[in-house]
Amino acid sequence: MTKGSVKLHRVYDKPLPQKGHRILVDRLWPRGVAKEDLKPFDWVKDLAPSKELRTWYDHKENRFDEFKDKYMKELDDNDKAQDFVKTVKKEQQKGDVWLLYGAKDEKHNNAVVLKEWLSK
């Protein structure tokens, strides 16, 4: 039985969650954010969308559905993804897991897709 849930938080929105396990899910470090501001945290840039997919998507909302499908396929094919699932489930036994991201759009970004993928 899980104690916590997977939640999303934009790194630029203060305050950052103080309770729970924090995981940065972007491939690139968010501009203007000091690493000290996110500690303690994990960074799973290997599970972020590929450079090619991120560049193609370019945060264009009309491409989100196709981005979501392609990113989920990348996650399905990623050898490190199952270890990540195990880590998330383990951390959920202790409390909430926060997926941190830098995108401006809170509804159309890789963290939203990753959260949905985790719930499959």
Protein backbone atom coordinates (compact mmCIF):
# COMPACT_ATOMS: atom_id res chain seq x y z
CA MET A 1 0.00 0.00 0.00
CA THR A 2 1.39 3.38 -0.97
CA LYS A 3 1.49 6.20 1.51
CA GLY A 4 2.26 9.05 -0.84
CA SER A 5 1.36 10.09 -4.35
CA VAL A 6 3.21 11.44 -7.36
CA LYS A 7 2.81 15.21 -7.63
CA LEU A 8 4.13 17.90 -9.96
CA HIS A 9 5.83 21.18 -9.07
CA ARG A 10 7.37 23.86 -11.29
CA VAL A 11 10.84 24.74 -9.98
CA TYR A 12 10.23 28.47 -10.45
CA ASP A 13 7.16 28.44 -8.21
CA LYS A 14 8.09 29.09 -4.60
CA PRO A 15 8.08 27.63 -2.13
CA LEU A 16 9.33 24.25 -3.23
CA PRO A 17 7.77 21.28 -1.45
CA GLN A 18 9.69 20.56 1.73
CA LYS A 19 8.24 17.12 2.43
CA GLY A 20 8.58 14.17 0.14
CA HIS A 21 11.14 13.00 -2.39
CA ARG A 22 12.02 15.57 -5.08
CA ILE A 23 13.10 14.52 -8.58
CA LEU A 24 14.08 16.93 -11.36
CA VAL A 25 12.77 15.39 -14.59
CA ASP A 26 14.19 17.82 -17.20
CA ARG A 27 17.19 17.01 -19.38
CA LEU A 28 18.57 20.54 -19.07
CA TRP A 29 19.14 22.37 -15.81
CA PRO A 30 16.50 25.12 -15.32
CA ARG A 31 17.95 28.57 -15.96
CA GLY A 32 18.48 30.77 -12.95
CA VAL A 33 17.88 28.00 -10.41
CA ALA A 34 20.73 27.20 -8.05
CA LYS A 35 21.32 23.54 -7.21
CA GLU A 36 21.23 24.56 -3.56
CA ASP A 37 17.62 25.68 -4.04
CA LEU A 38 16.52 22.15 -4.97
CA LYS A 39 18.47 20.12 -2.41
CA PRO A 40 17.84 17.42 -1.54
CA PHE A 41 16.81 16.08 -4.94
CA ASP A 42 17.51 13.47 -7.59
CA TRP A 43 17.95 14.35 -11.26
CA VAL A 44 16.82 11.82 -13.86
CA LYS A 45 17.87 13.55 -17.05
CA ASP A 46 18.26 10.16 -18.75
CA LEU A 47 14.49 9.75 -18.55
CA ALA A 48 13.71 13.18 -19.96
CA PRO A 49 12.62 13.44 -23.61
CA SER A 50 15.46 13.01 -26.08
CA LYS A 51 17.09 16.15 -27.44
CA GLU A 52 15.49 15.47 -30.83
CA LEU A 53 12.01 15.09 -29.37
CA ARG A 54 12.38 18.12 -27.09
CA THR A 55 13.59 20.25 -30.00
CA TRP A 56 10.77 19.07 -32.27
CA TYR A 57 8.09 19.66 -29.61
CA ASP A 58 9.38 23.17 -28.76
CA HIS A 59 6.55 23.57 -26.18
CA LYS A 60 3.96 23.99 -28.95
CA GLU A 61 0.63 23.00 -27.47
CA ASN A 62 -0.74 21.79 -30.82
CA ARG A 63 2.04 19.15 -30.87
CA PHE A 64 1.43 17.91 -27.32
CA ASP A 65 -0.61 14.80 -28.15
CA GLU A 66 2.02 13.56 -30.58
CA PHE A 67 4.80 14.56 -28.16
CA LYS A 68 3.07 12.56 -25.42
CA ASP A 69 2.84 9.45 -27.61
CA LYS A 70 6.48 9.71 -28.71
CA TYR A 71 7.76 10.42 -25.20
CA MET A 72 5.83 7.47 -23.74
CA LYS A 73 7.41 5.27 -26.42
CA GLU A 74 10.85 6.59 -25.40
CA LEU A 75 10.06 5.75 -21.78
CA ASP A 76 8.86 2.27 -22.71
CA ASP A 77 12.11 1.67 -24.59
CA ASN A 78 14.40 3.19 -21.93
CA ASP A 79 16.42 0.59 -20.00
CA LYS A 80 16.60 2.86 -16.93
CA ALA A 81 12.86 3.43 -16.73
CA GLN A 82 12.00 0.32 -14.72
CA ASP A 83 14.59 1.20 -12.07
CA PHE A 84 12.99 4.63 -11.88
CA VAL A 85 9.55 3.06 -11.38
CA LYS A 86 10.96 0.98 -8.51
CA THR A 87 12.54 4.06 -6.93
CA VAL A 88 9.30 6.02 -7.15
CA LYS A 89 7.28 3.18 -5.62
CA LYS A 90 9.85 2.80 -2.82
CA GLU A 91 9.78 6.53 -2.07
CA GLN A 92 5.97 6.53 -2.13
CA GLN A 93 6.08 4.17 0.85
CA LYS A 94 7.62 7.08 2.79
CA GLY A 95 5.51 9.91 1.39
CA ASP A 96 4.88 12.06 -1.66
CA VAL A 97 7.15 12.05 -4.71
CA TRP A 98 7.51 15.43 -6.42
CA LEU A 99 8.40 15.55 -10.12
CA LEU A 100 10.09 18.92 -10.60
CA TYR A 101 10.14 20.63 -14.00
CA GLY A 102 10.92 24.02 -15.49
CA ALA A 103 8.36 24.41 -18.30
CA LYS A 104 6.03 27.42 -18.20
CA ASP A 105 3.01 25.44 -19.35
CA GLU A 106 1.79 23.43 -16.36
CA LYS A 107 -0.51 21.17 -18.41
CA HIS A 108 1.62 20.41 -21.46
CA ASN A 109 5.10 19.28 -20.44
CA ASN A 110 7.22 16.18 -19.95
CA ALA A 111 6.50 15.93 -16.21
CA VAL A 112 2.77 15.61 -16.93
CA VAL A 113 3.49 12.78 -19.38
CA LEU A 114 5.94 11.08 -17.02
CA LYS A 115 3.39 11.16 -14.19
CA GLU A 116 0.78 9.59 -16.47
CA TRP A 117 3.29 6.98 -17.66
CA LEU A 118 4.10 6.08 -14.04
CA SER A 119 0.43 5.40 -13.38
CA LYS A 120 0.15 2.83 -16.21
